[in-house]
Amino acid sequence: MAFGYGVYFTQKHKNQVVRFDPDSDECTVIVSDSEDETTDENLNKPYGLAMGPNNVLYIADKLNHRLCKVNAQGEFCQFDTHDTTGHRKPKIKKQEHFPRTPTGIAVETSGDLICSYCDEHTIYRVKQDGELELLLGTAPGNHFTFRGLRNHVPLEELSDFPIYMPTALTASGDSGIYFIERGYEAVRRYHPDEGLSTVFCGDVCSNNLPDSSDEIDLSVFTPAHPTGLAVDSEGRLFVSDGMTGSVVRVDFSSNTFKVILPSSDRCGNSSPIAIGNDGTLWILSLKNNSLCGYTEDGNGYWVSNGKEITTEDCSPPDNVREWGGIVCG
């Protein structure tokens, strides 16, 4: 069986973006640091990745406070952003046109980007011409009077509602997004017609997530430390739990979730996850420095597809919590 796509991931400590070809088992460095410190291609802790139209790869270059893109021909450029409304200028003197610390990134069907900025506690739409449109948070959001535990925030209240350290982000497939609100160990959903809602929040979390094939009520247990998100072609949401090393699938119709990959040495401390167009679930394990692929069998179980590579030195030190990025395309 041919996969017909690549799996892209970031190696944060090497400031690299790598492409793994599951058909040939070959890895290719797409972007890497240069000895020339003046080149634009030098990344600084690249995090989120997203694949756009025409196989354009977008990179959230976190500590360079910028977005970058690489086209299908391998040409690299910085994606400049600008604030045409002036809403940032009265509140921040430095980098007023460049929100700080981009982390999660997704591409809308229009080709515009949605990007979370962790340290500014905001989520922006970044249009193709680089114009910034604030979606969530109170730019630049550098205060801690957070009220983010509400289960639903209607559209008319969003402009004054703060969020707390958004990290991983993915498109929901219906013009909305899911994102991790790290400050509350929560997963939220935003839709332009519905406002902001909560999938689950860490106030009912458990460090001992049941290794069960049964549906689990989200009001009783939730993943304790959500670290990665992915949505498949059917619109199903998958969440990796960095605390237990599990991956769960959420069922919104019943407000439950199912542990599809229980805690194990193989997928321990899984962080970034992605789903290919063939339904393969890819996990970048920061604990084991490995990229693994899993497929669903006919009985509802997820099993290894035999594709596994070791990503040398991609893990941060144990006392550092950092997120990486992974995307298929």
Protein backbone atom coordinates (compact mmCIF):
# COMPACT_ATOMS: atom_id res chain seq x y z
CA MET A 1 0.00 0.00 0.00
CA ALA A 2 1.37 3.41 -1.02
CA PHE A 3 0.86 6.37 1.26
CA GLY A 4 1.37 9.05 -1.37
CA TYR A 5 2.20 11.84 1.08
CA GLY A 6 4.94 12.99 3.43
CA VAL A 7 4.98 13.53 7.20
CA TYR A 8 6.61 16.81 8.21
CA PHE A 9 7.79 17.50 11.75
CA THR A 10 9.94 19.97 13.65
CA GLN A 11 13.15 19.18 15.53
CA LYS A 12 13.19 22.08 17.94
CA HIS A 13 16.68 21.68 19.39
CA LYS A 14 18.18 21.51 15.91
CA ASN A 15 15.92 24.27 14.57
CA GLN A 16 14.96 22.00 11.70
CA VAL A 17 11.91 20.95 9.74
CA VAL A 18 12.13 17.38 8.45
CA ARG A 19 10.07 15.43 5.89
CA PHE A 20 9.58 11.68 6.36
CA ASP A 21 8.48 9.69 3.30
CA PRO A 22 6.61 6.61 4.59
CA ASP A 23 6.82 4.98 1.15
CA SER A 24 10.62 5.05 0.98
CA ASP A 25 11.37 5.40 4.74
CA GLU A 26 13.64 8.32 3.92
CA CYS A 27 14.01 11.52 5.93
CA THR A 28 14.91 14.85 4.28
CA VAL A 29 15.75 18.07 6.09
CA ILE A 30 13.56 20.78 4.52
CA VAL A 31 14.75 23.77 6.58
CA SER A 32 17.87 23.87 8.74
CA ASP A 33 20.16 26.37 10.44
CA SER A 34 22.89 27.87 8.30
CA GLU A 35 26.37 28.99 9.32
CA ASP A 36 25.36 32.35 7.88
CA GLU A 37 23.63 34.00 10.84
CA THR A 38 22.12 36.69 8.60
CA THR A 39 20.04 34.36 6.42
CA ASP A 40 16.27 34.39 6.87
CA GLU A 41 16.21 30.58 6.91
CA ASN A 42 17.62 30.30 10.44
CA LEU A 43 14.76 29.13 12.63
CA ASN A 44 14.54 29.52 16.40
CA LYS A 45 12.43 26.83 18.09
CA PRO A 46 10.01 26.08 15.23
CA TYR A 47 6.72 24.74 16.56
CA GLY A 48 3.46 24.41 14.65
CA LEU A 49 3.23 23.29 11.04
CA ALA A 50 0.38 23.49 8.54
CA MET A 51 -0.01 22.42 4.92
CA GLY A 52 -1.72 24.88 2.60
CA PRO A 53 -2.87 24.86 -1.03
CA ASN A 54 -0.29 23.95 -3.68
CA ASN A 55 1.76 22.07 -1.05
CA VAL A 56 2.92 25.22 0.70
CA LEU A 57 4.25 24.36 4.16
CA TYR A 58 3.70 27.02 6.85
CA ILE A 59 5.94 27.17 9.95
CA ALA A 60 5.34 28.91 13.27
CA ASP A 61 8.89 30.07 14.07
CA LYS A 62 8.25 30.69 17.74
CA LEU A 63 11.27 32.51 19.13
CA ASN A 64 11.84 34.50 15.94
CA HIS A 65 8.25 35.73 16.43
CA ARG A 66 7.29 35.14 12.82
CA LEU A 67 5.55 32.86 10.35
CA CYS A 68 7.44 31.32 7.45
CA LYS A 69 6.52 29.27 4.41
CA VAL A 70 8.23 26.82 2.08
CA ASN A 71 6.69 26.20 -1.35
CA ALA A 72 6.66 22.94 -3.31
CA GLN A 73 9.96 23.92 -4.98
CA GLY A 74 11.64 24.25 -1.58
CA GLU A 75 11.85 28.05 -1.67
CA PHE A 76 11.79 29.61 1.81
CA CYS A 77 10.44 33.03 2.74
CA GLN A 78 9.17 34.94 5.75
CA PHE A 79 5.43 35.57 5.89
CA ASP A 80 5.23 39.20 7.00
CA THR A 81 2.27 40.31 9.12
CA HIS A 82 0.89 43.78 9.70
CA ASP A 83 -1.73 45.45 11.85
CA THR A 84 -3.90 47.64 9.62
CA THR A 85 -6.44 48.49 12.33
CA GLY A 86 -3.90 49.81 14.84
CA HIS A 87 -5.40 47.77 17.69
CA ARG A 88 -1.95 46.58 18.81
CA LYS A 89 -0.12 49.91 18.70
CA PRO A 90 -1.48 51.53 21.89
CA LYS A 91 -0.68 48.42 23.92
CA ILE A 92 2.73 47.28 22.81
CA LYS A 93 5.79 49.25 21.75
CA LYS A 94 8.05 46.54 20.37
CA GLN A 95 7.09 44.17 17.57
CA GLU A 96 3.74 45.89 17.21
CA HIS A 97 3.21 44.27 13.80
CA PHE A 98 4.59 40.89 14.86
CA PRO A 99 2.72 39.08 17.65
CA ARG A 100 5.13 37.15 19.83
CA THR A 101 5.68 33.41 20.12
CA PRO A 102 3.48 31.80 17.44
CA THR A 103 2.81 28.17 18.36
CA GLY A 104 -0.19 26.52 16.69
CA ILE A 105 -1.07 27.10 13.05
CA ALA A 106 -3.79 25.91 10.65
CA VAL A 107 -4.93 26.78 7.13
CA GLU A 108 -8.53 27.70 6.34
CA THR A 109 -10.24 26.67 3.10
CA SER A 110 -9.81 30.29 1.94
CA GLY A 111 -6.04 29.94 2.27
CA ASP A 112 -5.87 32.30 5.24
CA LEU A 113 -3.99 31.16 8.33
CA ILE A 114 -5.19 30.78 11.91
CA CYS A 115 -2.35 31.10 14.41
CA SER A 116 -2.12 30.97 18.20
CA TYR A 117 0.39 33.19 20.01
CA CYS A 118 1.11 31.54 23.35
CA ASP A 119 2.81 34.33 25.30
CA GLU A 120 0.38 36.98 24.04
CA HIS A 121 -2.62 34.77 24.86
CA THR A 122 -4.24 35.47 21.49
CA ILE A 123 -5.38 33.73 18.32
CA TYR A 124 -5.28 35.63 15.02
CA ARG A 125 -6.47 35.10 11.48
CA VAL A 126 -3.54 35.98 9.23
CA LYS A 127 -4.76 36.85 5.76
CA GLN A 128 -2.79 36.09 2.63
CA ASP A 129 -1.53 39.68 2.44
CA GLY A 130 -0.31 39.41 6.07
CA GLU A 131 -3.11 41.46 7.64
CA LEU A 132 -3.85 40.47 11.25
CA GLU A 133 -7.42 39.93 12.43
CA LEU A 134 -7.85 39.23 16.13
CA LEU A 135 -10.18 36.26 16.74
CA LEU A 136 -9.66 35.35 20.41
CA GLY A 137 -7.97 37.01 23.36
CA THR A 138 -7.40 40.64 24.27
CA ALA A 139 -4.33 41.78 22.35
CA PRO A 140 -1.64 41.74 23.40
CA GLY A 141 -3.18 39.88 26.33
CA ASN A 142 -0.31 40.21 28.79
CA HIS A 143 -2.40 40.11 31.94
CA PHE A 144 -3.60 37.31 34.15
CA THR A 145 -7.14 38.23 35.12
CA PHE A 146 -8.33 35.20 33.21
CA ARG A 147 -11.90 33.96 33.14
CA GLY A 148 -11.37 31.08 30.77
CA LEU A 149 -13.23 28.38 32.69
CA ARG A 150 -16.62 29.22 31.19
CA ASN A 151 -18.08 26.44 29.07
CA HIS A 152 -19.50 28.77 26.42
CA VAL A 153 -18.80 32.36 25.40
CA PRO A 154 -21.19 33.86 22.81
CA LEU A 155 -19.91 35.87 19.86
CA GLU A 156 -20.92 39.23 21.30
CA GLU A 157 -18.69 38.69 24.36
CA LEU A 158 -15.58 37.37 22.63
CA SER A 159 -13.96 40.77 22.03
CA ASP A 160 -13.44 41.21 25.78
CA PHE A 161 -12.84 37.61 26.79
CA PRO A 162 -9.22 36.55 27.55
CA ILE A 163 -7.72 33.15 26.82
CA TYR A 164 -4.76 31.67 28.64
CA MET A 165 -1.69 30.34 26.76
CA PRO A 166 -3.09 28.79 23.55
CA THR A 167 -0.72 26.25 22.02
CA ALA A 168 -1.62 23.48 19.55
CA LEU A 169 -4.34 24.33 17.05
CA THR A 170 -6.12 22.51 14.22
CA ALA A 171 -8.95 23.23 11.79
CA SER A 172 -12.21 21.46 12.64
CA GLY A 173 -13.29 20.92 9.04
CA ASP A 174 -16.44 23.08 9.34
CA SER A 175 -14.89 26.58 9.33
CA GLY A 176 -14.01 26.30 13.02
CA ILE A 177 -10.90 25.42 15.00
CA TYR A 178 -9.93 23.40 18.05
CA PHE A 179 -7.10 24.62 20.23
CA ILE A 180 -5.37 23.69 23.48
CA GLU A 181 -5.56 26.30 26.22
CA ARG A 182 -2.48 25.23 28.11
CA GLY A 183 -3.14 27.50 31.10
CA TYR A 184 -6.24 25.48 31.97
CA GLU A 185 -5.20 22.12 30.42
CA ALA A 186 -8.31 22.54 28.30
CA VAL A 187 -9.38 21.92 24.72
CA ARG A 188 -11.62 24.63 23.26
CA ARG A 189 -13.60 24.99 20.07
CA TYR A 190 -14.11 28.27 18.21
CA HIS A 191 -16.58 28.74 15.37
CA PRO A 192 -17.29 32.11 13.70
CA ASP A 193 -21.05 31.51 13.92
CA GLU A 194 -21.17 30.00 17.41
CA GLY A 195 -18.49 31.61 19.57
CA LEU A 196 -16.16 29.81 21.97
CA SER A 197 -17.02 26.54 23.70
CA THR A 198 -15.25 23.93 25.83
CA VAL A 199 -14.59 20.35 24.73
CA PHE A 200 -13.09 19.53 28.12
CA CYS A 201 -11.17 21.26 30.87
CA GLY A 202 -8.59 20.01 33.37
CA ASP A 203 -10.74 20.76 36.41
CA VAL A 204 -11.95 17.14 36.25
CA CYS A 205 -8.70 15.65 34.99
CA SER A 206 -7.18 12.41 36.18
CA ASN A 207 -3.54 11.41 36.09
CA ASN A 208 -4.70 7.81 35.83
CA LEU A 209 -6.72 7.81 32.63
CA PRO A 210 -8.50 4.44 32.30
CA ASP A 211 -6.95 2.11 29.73
CA SER A 212 -10.39 1.08 28.63
CA SER A 213 -12.01 0.43 25.26
CA ASP A 214 -15.32 1.74 26.66
CA GLU A 215 -16.73 5.20 26.07
CA ILE A 216 -15.73 7.44 29.01
CA ASP A 217 -17.86 10.34 30.24
CA LEU A 218 -16.01 13.66 29.85
CA SER A 219 -17.65 14.93 33.04
CA VAL A 220 -15.87 12.18 35.02
CA PHE A 221 -12.45 11.88 33.35
CA THR A 222 -10.54 14.03 30.89
CA PRO A 223 -7.00 13.84 29.53
CA ALA A 224 -4.83 15.44 32.20
CA HIS A 225 -2.34 17.23 29.96
CA PRO A 226 -3.54 17.66 26.32
CA THR A 227 -0.57 18.20 24.05
CA GLY A 228 -1.64 17.45 20.47
CA LEU A 229 -4.74 17.68 18.29
CA ALA A 230 -5.81 16.20 14.97
CA VAL A 231 -9.05 15.95 13.00
CA ASP A 232 -9.70 13.17 10.47
CA SER A 233 -11.67 13.31 7.21
CA GLU A 234 -14.87 12.45 9.12
CA GLY A 235 -14.43 15.42 11.45
CA ARG A 236 -13.51 13.28 14.48
CA LEU A 237 -11.24 14.96 17.04
CA PHE A 238 -8.16 13.13 18.39
CA VAL A 239 -6.25 14.38 21.43
CA SER A 240 -2.89 13.20 22.78
CA ASP A 241 -2.38 13.25 26.55
CA GLY A 242 1.22 14.02 27.50
CA MET A 243 0.66 12.99 31.11
CA THR A 244 -0.40 9.40 30.44
CA GLY A 245 1.02 8.86 26.95
CA SER A 246 -2.46 8.06 25.61
CA VAL A 247 -4.41 9.17 22.56
CA VAL A 248 -8.19 9.59 22.81
CA ARG A 249 -10.99 10.20 20.31
CA VAL A 250 -13.85 12.52 21.30
CA ASP A 251 -17.50 11.72 20.55
CA PHE A 252 -19.45 14.99 20.70
CA SER A 253 -22.85 13.35 20.27
CA SER A 254 -22.52 11.57 23.64
CA ASN A 255 -20.01 13.90 25.38
CA THR A 256 -17.65 10.97 25.81
CA PHE A 257 -14.22 9.93 24.65
CA LYS A 258 -12.52 6.63 23.92
CA VAL A 259 -8.88 5.72 24.59
CA ILE A 260 -7.75 4.45 21.19
CA LEU A 261 -4.07 4.12 22.15
CA PRO A 262 -3.47 3.38 25.83
CA SER A 263 -0.37 4.28 27.79
CA SER A 264 2.65 2.37 26.57
CA ASP A 265 6.37 2.67 26.15
CA ARG A 266 5.89 2.96 22.41
CA CYS A 267 3.76 6.11 22.43
CA GLY A 268 4.77 7.38 25.88
CA ASN A 269 4.46 11.13 26.39
CA SER A 270 3.11 11.53 22.88
CA SER A 271 2.87 15.17 21.97
CA PRO A 272 2.23 16.29 18.39
CA ILE A 273 -0.15 14.13 16.33
CA ALA A 274 -1.41 14.27 12.74
CA ILE A 275 -3.69 12.21 10.53
CA GLY A 276 -2.93 11.43 6.89
CA ASN A 277 -5.54 11.44 4.15
CA ASP A 278 -5.57 7.63 4.38
CA GLY A 279 -6.58 7.75 8.06
CA THR A 280 -3.14 6.87 9.46
CA LEU A 281 -2.49 8.42 12.87
CA TRP A 282 1.09 9.68 13.23
CA ILE A 283 2.56 10.36 16.67
CA LEU A 284 5.78 12.21 17.40
CA SER A 285 6.88 10.85 20.77
CA LEU A 286 9.07 13.34 22.60
CA LYS A 287 9.93 10.75 25.24
CA ASN A 288 11.14 8.07 22.84
CA ASN A 289 12.46 10.36 20.09
CA SER A 290 10.40 8.48 17.55
CA LEU A 291 7.76 8.97 14.88
CA CYS A 292 5.22 6.14 14.75
CA GLY A 293 2.24 5.38 12.52
CA TYR A 294 -0.99 3.64 13.57
CA THR A 295 -4.01 2.45 11.60
CA GLU A 296 -7.48 1.35 12.68
CA ASP A 297 -8.31 -2.29 12.08
CA GLY A 298 -11.76 -3.63 11.29
CA ASN A 299 -12.57 -4.18 14.98
CA GLY A 300 -12.08 -0.60 16.15
CA TYR A 301 -8.55 -1.16 17.50
CA TRP A 302 -5.52 0.90 16.52
CA VAL A 303 -2.35 -1.02 15.69
CA SER A 304 1.13 -0.08 14.53
CA ASN A 305 1.54 -0.04 10.76
CA GLY A 306 5.22 -0.88 11.15
CA LYS A 307 6.37 2.60 10.23
CA GLU A 308 8.65 3.96 12.94
CA ILE A 309 11.74 6.14 12.80
CA THR A 310 13.96 7.53 15.50
CA THR A 311 14.27 11.31 15.43
CA GLU A 312 17.71 11.93 16.84
CA ASP A 313 17.85 14.49 19.63
CA CYS A 314 14.34 15.85 19.05
CA SER A 315 13.37 15.61 22.71
CA PRO A 316 13.71 18.59 25.07
CA PRO A 317 15.17 18.08 28.55
CA ASP A 318 12.79 16.47 31.01
CA ASN A 319 12.31 19.71 32.93
CA VAL A 320 11.28 21.72 29.85
CA ARG A 321 7.74 21.64 28.44
CA GLU A 322 7.85 22.47 24.76
CA TRP A 323 5.47 21.58 21.92
CA GLY A 324 6.53 20.61 18.43
CA GLY A 325 4.65 20.37 15.16
CA ILE A 326 3.66 17.63 12.74
CA VAL A 327 1.55 17.66 9.59
CA CYS A 328 0.85 15.38 6.62
CA GLY A 329 0.83 16.52 3.03
